[in-house]
C-alpha atoms as a PDB file:
ATOM      1  CA  ALA A   1       0.000   0.000   0.000  1.00  0.00           C
ATOM      2  CA  THR A   2       1.079   3.558  -0.633  1.00  0.00           C
ATOM      3  CA  THR A   3       0.215   6.752   1.187  1.00  0.00           C
ATOM      4  CA  GLY A   4      -3.458   7.543   0.654  1.00  0.00           C
ATOM      5  CA  ASP A   5      -4.535   3.946  -0.089  1.00  0.00           C
ATOM      6  CA  VAL A   6      -7.475   2.413   1.745  1.00  0.00           C
ATOM      7  CA  THR A   7      -7.441  -1.293   2.528  1.00  0.00           C
ATOM      8  CA  VAL A   8     -10.887  -2.906   2.602  1.00  0.00           C
ATOM      9  CA  ARG A   9     -11.203  -5.980   4.848  1.00  0.00           C
ATOM     10  CA  GLU A  10     -13.786  -8.390   6.220  1.00  0.00           C
ATOM     11  CA  GLY A  11     -16.154  -8.354   3.276  1.00  0.00           C
ATOM     12  CA  SER A  12     -16.634  -4.589   2.982  1.00  0.00           C
ATOM     13  CA  THR A  13     -17.199  -3.468  -0.568  1.00  0.00           C
ATOM     14  CA  TYR A  14     -15.800  -0.338  -2.134  1.00  0.00           C
ATOM     15  CA  PRO A  15     -19.195   1.469  -2.357  1.00  0.00           C
ATOM     16  CA  SER A  16     -19.960   0.909   1.342  1.00  0.00           C
ATOM     17  CA  VAL A  17     -16.616   2.449   2.304  1.00  0.00           C
ATOM     18  CA  THR A  18     -16.869   5.500   0.035  1.00  0.00           C
ATOM     19  CA  LYS A  19     -20.437   6.373   1.106  1.00  0.00           C
ATOM     20  CA  GLY A  20     -19.170   7.375   4.549  1.00  0.00           C
ATOM     21  CA  ILE A  21     -16.332   9.594   3.352  1.00  0.00           C
ATOM     22  CA  ALA A  22     -16.748  13.380   3.103  1.00  0.00           C
ATOM     23  CA  LYS A  23     -17.096  14.391  -0.558  1.00  0.00           C
ATOM     24  CA  PHE A  24     -16.032  17.953   0.245  1.00  0.00           C
ATOM     25  CA  TRP A  25     -14.854  19.965   3.229  1.00  0.00           C
ATOM     26  CA  VAL A  26     -13.759  23.520   3.791  1.00  0.00           C
ATOM     27  CA  LYS A  27     -12.606  25.854   6.559  1.00  0.00           C
ATOM     28  CA  TYR A  28     -12.908  29.539   5.690  1.00  0.00           C
ATOM     29  CA  ASP A  29     -12.675  32.974   7.272  1.00  0.00           C
ATOM     30  CA  GLY A  30     -16.212  34.015   8.204  1.00  0.00           C
ATOM     31  CA  ALA A  31     -15.594  37.679   7.345  1.00  0.00           C
ATOM     32  CA  SER A  32     -14.263  37.083   3.818  1.00  0.00           C
ATOM     33  CA  THR A  33     -13.872  34.499   1.057  1.00  0.00           C
ATOM     34  CA  THR A  34     -10.460  33.270   2.246  1.00  0.00           C
ATOM     35  CA  MET A  35     -10.326  29.473   2.419  1.00  0.00           C
ATOM     36  CA  ASN A  36      -7.866  28.248   5.064  1.00  0.00           C
ATOM     37  CA  ASP A  37      -8.003  24.706   3.694  1.00  0.00           C
ATOM     38  CA  SER A  38     -10.378  22.685   1.558  1.00  0.00           C
ATOM     39  CA  TYR A  39     -11.045  19.586  -0.488  1.00  0.00           C
ATOM     40  CA  ASN A  40     -13.254  19.534  -3.613  1.00  0.00           C
ATOM     41  CA  VAL A  41     -14.351  23.183  -3.165  1.00  0.00           C
ATOM     42  CA  ASP A  42     -14.090  25.715  -6.016  1.00  0.00           C
ATOM     43  CA  SER A  43     -14.907  28.871  -4.082  1.00  0.00           C
ATOM     44  CA  VAL A  44     -16.594  30.611  -1.179  1.00  0.00           C
ATOM     45  CA  SER A  45     -18.575  33.789  -1.866  1.00  0.00           C
ATOM     46  CA  HIS A  46     -19.537  36.355   0.778  1.00  0.00           C
ATOM     47  CA  PRO A  47     -22.329  38.625  -0.517  1.00  0.00           C
ATOM     48  CA  GLY A  48     -23.096  40.101   2.910  1.00  0.00           C
ATOM     49  CA  ASN A  49     -22.711  39.819   6.677  1.00  0.00           C
ATOM     50  CA  GLY A  50     -23.303  36.251   7.835  1.00  0.00           C
ATOM     51  CA  ASP A  51     -23.953  35.029   4.280  1.00  0.00           C
ATOM     52  CA  HIS A  52     -21.718  32.549   2.427  1.00  0.00           C
ATOM     53  CA  THR A  53     -22.165  30.299  -0.585  1.00  0.00           C
ATOM     54  CA  ILE A  54     -19.809  27.351  -1.038  1.00  0.00           C
ATOM     55  CA  THR A  55     -19.391  26.103  -4.606  1.00  0.00           C
ATOM     56  CA  ILE A  56     -18.441  22.426  -4.791  1.00  0.00           C
ATOM     57  CA  THR A  57     -16.093  21.206  -7.547  1.00  0.00           C
ATOM     58  CA  THR A  58     -17.746  17.816  -8.209  1.00  0.00           C
ATOM     59  CA  ASP A  59     -21.543  17.924  -7.900  1.00  0.00           C
ATOM     60  CA  PHE A  60     -23.604  15.499  -5.851  1.00  0.00           C
ATOM     61  CA  ASN A  61     -26.142  13.259  -7.662  1.00  0.00           C
ATOM     62  CA  SER A  62     -29.015  15.205  -6.069  1.00  0.00           C
ATOM     63  CA  ALA A  63     -29.673  18.004  -3.592  1.00  0.00           C
ATOM     64  CA  HIS A  64     -30.450  15.393  -0.906  1.00  0.00           C
ATOM     65  CA  TRP A  65     -26.988  15.131   0.628  1.00  0.00           C
ATOM     66  CA  CYS A  66     -25.961  15.804   4.230  1.00  0.00           C
ATOM     67  CA  ALA A  67     -24.000  18.810   5.493  1.00  0.00           C
ATOM     68  CA  THR A  68     -22.350  19.101   8.876  1.00  0.00           C
ATOM     69  CA  MET A  69     -20.763  22.269  10.172  1.00  0.00           C
ATOM     70  CA  ALA A  70     -19.127  24.085  13.038  1.00  0.00           C
ATOM     71  CA  ALA A  71     -18.219  27.716  13.546  1.00  0.00           C
ATOM     72  CA  ARG A  72     -16.526  30.029  15.985  1.00  0.00           C
ATOM     73  CA  THR A  73     -18.855  32.898  16.751  1.00  0.00           C
ATOM     74  CA  ALA A  74     -18.857  35.723  19.257  1.00  0.00           C
ATOM     75  CA  GLY A  75     -21.598  36.537  21.720  1.00  0.00           C
ATOM     76  CA  THR A  76     -24.575  34.667  23.044  1.00  0.00           C
ATOM     77  CA  GLY A  77     -27.405  33.376  20.911  1.00  0.00           C
ATOM     78  CA  SER A  78     -25.096  32.782  17.969  1.00  0.00           C
ATOM     79  CA  ASP A  79     -26.262  30.462  15.228  1.00  0.00           C
ATOM     80  CA  ILE A  80     -25.184  29.002  11.902  1.00  0.00           C
ATOM     81  CA  ARG A  81     -27.557  27.226   9.558  1.00  0.00           C
ATOM     82  CA  VAL A  82     -27.978  25.827   6.074  1.00  0.00           C
ATOM     83  CA  GLU A  83     -30.259  28.106   4.068  1.00  0.00           C
ATOM     84  CA  THR A  84     -30.256  26.227   0.740  1.00  0.00           C
ATOM     85  CA  MET A  85     -28.629  23.134  -0.754  1.00  0.00           C
ATOM     86  CA  ALA A  86     -28.170  22.261  -4.422  1.00  0.00           C
ATOM     87  CA  VAL A  87     -26.205  19.547  -6.244  1.00  0.00           C
ATOM     88  CA  GLY A  88     -23.149  21.812  -6.503  1.00  0.00           C
ATOM     89  CA  SER A  89     -23.499  24.449  -3.801  1.00  0.00           C
ATOM     90  CA  LEU A  90     -24.553  25.270  -0.268  1.00  0.00           C
ATOM     91  CA  ARG A  91     -25.684  28.593   1.222  1.00  0.00           C
ATOM     92  CA  VAL A  92     -24.897  29.117   4.899  1.00  0.00           C
ATOM     93  CA  LEU A  93     -26.208  31.935   7.123  1.00  0.00           C
ATOM     94  CA  SER A  94     -24.796  32.925  10.505  1.00  0.00           C
ATOM     95  CA  GLY A  95     -25.898  35.379  13.154  1.00  0.00           C
ATOM     96  CA  ASP A  96     -25.148  36.720  16.610  1.00  0.00           C
ATOM     97  CA  GLY A  97     -28.613  36.552  18.148  1.00  0.00           C
ATOM     98  CA  SER A  98     -29.619  40.052  17.060  1.00  0.00           C
ATOM     99  CA  GLY A  99     -29.098  39.730  13.301  1.00  0.00           C
ATOM    100  CA  ALA A 100     -26.781  38.561  10.552  1.00  0.00           C
ATOM    101  CA  ALA A 101     -23.133  38.430  11.649  1.00  0.00           C
ATOM    102  CA  ASP A 102     -19.886  36.971  10.364  1.00  0.00           C
ATOM    103  CA  SER A 103     -18.278  34.097  12.249  1.00  0.00           C
ATOM    104  CA  THR A 104     -14.571  34.055  13.030  1.00  0.00           C
ATOM    105  CA  TYR A 105     -14.366  30.898  10.939  1.00  0.00           C
ATOM    106  CA  GLU A 106     -16.714  28.243   9.577  1.00  0.00           C
ATOM    107  CA  CYS A 107     -16.010  24.557   8.866  1.00  0.00           C
ATOM    108  CA  ILE A 108     -18.330  22.546   6.633  1.00  0.00           C
ATOM    109  CA  ALA A 109     -18.275  19.001   5.230  1.00  0.00           C
ATOM    110  CA  GLY A 110     -20.685  17.266   2.850  1.00  0.00           C
ATOM    111  CA  PHE A 111     -21.655  13.596   2.608  1.00  0.00           C
ATOM    112  CA  GLY A 112     -23.626  11.900  -0.150  1.00  0.00           C
ATOM    113  CA  GLU A 113     -23.261  10.311  -3.582  1.00  0.00           C
ATOM    114  CA  HIS A 114     -21.527  11.887  -6.572  1.00  0.00           C
END
């Protein structure tokens, strides 16, 4: 095996292993479009406070995939949520309890079938 190889054992098939692997992930600056690190992400747009759209390089088969996320926010009552999902993008909104607000950073990963 070489670096990056996955060994499948005990009857697991290739599709069952790949279904559980993140198809994209990204960590970006919540106040800009700067990606700190990513996999399978073309870009992050920031049209306004607390508003980001992540464009995925390789689309999912449908818009019914799963996103998981975390963020560092300031203040109490902070929230981050998925606003819309499409086969090749995700819109995320964040707030500080009193309105739209940028997070310090946001981390998002997507799971589903390509």
